[in-house]
Amino acid sequence: MRGLDGLATGVSVTALMAVAPTLYAPTPAAGALISLTGEIGSIAAPFLGGMLLALGGVLCSRSPL
């Protein structure tokens, strides 16, 4: 299951990086915006997961899969 998740993440990140500059005029800020969203997500996701675990306990944070 983890392998499938990693594959899906790799495909979606690659697609995002390829299509985002075509949605608006290519500028140096476009690359920075894509990088910024990735960095924010990599920081916010573990933080939110930790908060869910701390506030709700292990049963609340378990994935149904």
Protein backbone atom coordinates (compact mmCIF):
# COMPACT_ATOMS: atom_id res chain seq x y z
CA MET A 1 0.00 0.00 0.00
CA ARG A 2 2.86 2.39 0.81
CA GLY A 3 4.41 1.72 -2.59
CA LEU A 4 1.19 2.66 -4.34
CA ASP A 5 0.97 5.83 -2.27
CA GLY A 6 4.55 6.75 -3.17
CA LEU A 7 3.89 6.13 -6.85
CA ALA A 8 0.74 8.26 -6.81
CA THR A 9 2.56 11.06 -5.00
CA GLY A 10 5.40 10.99 -7.50
CA VAL A 11 3.02 11.20 -10.44
CA SER A 12 0.90 13.98 -8.92
CA VAL A 13 3.89 16.12 -7.91
CA THR A 14 5.41 15.75 -11.36
CA ALA A 15 2.11 16.69 -13.00
CA LEU A 16 1.74 19.73 -10.75
CA MET A 17 5.22 20.96 -11.55
CA ALA A 18 4.66 20.45 -15.27
CA VAL A 19 1.23 22.05 -15.60
CA ALA A 20 1.42 24.93 -13.13
CA PRO A 21 3.65 27.21 -15.25
CA THR A 22 1.27 26.79 -18.20
CA LEU A 23 -1.67 28.12 -16.19
CA TYR A 24 -0.21 31.62 -15.97
CA ALA A 25 2.53 33.67 -17.59
CA PRO A 26 5.91 32.04 -16.98
CA THR A 27 7.87 34.14 -14.54
CA PRO A 28 10.54 33.35 -11.97
CA ALA A 29 7.82 33.73 -9.33
CA ALA A 30 5.97 30.73 -10.80
CA GLY A 31 8.74 28.34 -9.82
CA ALA A 32 9.00 29.92 -6.40
CA LEU A 33 5.26 29.55 -5.85
CA ILE A 34 5.33 25.86 -6.73
CA SER A 35 8.30 25.31 -4.43
CA LEU A 36 6.66 27.27 -1.62
CA THR A 37 3.46 25.22 -1.74
CA GLY A 38 5.48 22.01 -1.59
CA GLU A 39 7.49 23.25 1.38
CA ILE A 40 4.40 24.42 3.25
CA GLY A 41 2.74 21.06 2.67
CA SER A 42 5.77 19.13 3.88
CA ILE A 43 5.78 21.17 7.09
CA ALA A 44 2.03 21.44 7.69
CA ALA A 45 1.10 17.79 7.11
CA PRO A 46 3.27 16.29 9.89
CA PHE A 47 2.29 19.15 12.20
CA LEU A 48 -1.43 18.54 11.64
CA GLY A 49 -0.94 14.80 12.02
CA GLY A 50 0.86 15.33 15.32
CA MET A 51 -1.88 17.64 16.54
CA LEU A 52 -4.53 15.09 15.59
CA LEU A 53 -2.62 12.40 17.44
CA ALA A 54 -2.09 14.60 20.52
CA LEU A 55 -5.67 15.84 20.70
CA GLY A 56 -7.61 12.79 19.59
CA GLY A 57 -5.40 9.89 20.50
CA VAL A 58 -4.29 6.91 18.45
CA LEU A 59 -7.78 5.72 17.51
CA CYS A 60 -8.69 9.09 16.03
CA SER A 61 -5.58 9.26 13.86
CA ARG A 62 -5.70 5.76 12.35
CA SER A 63 -6.39 5.48 8.67
CA PRO A 64 -9.28 3.22 7.66
CA LEU A 65 -7.08 1.62 4.99
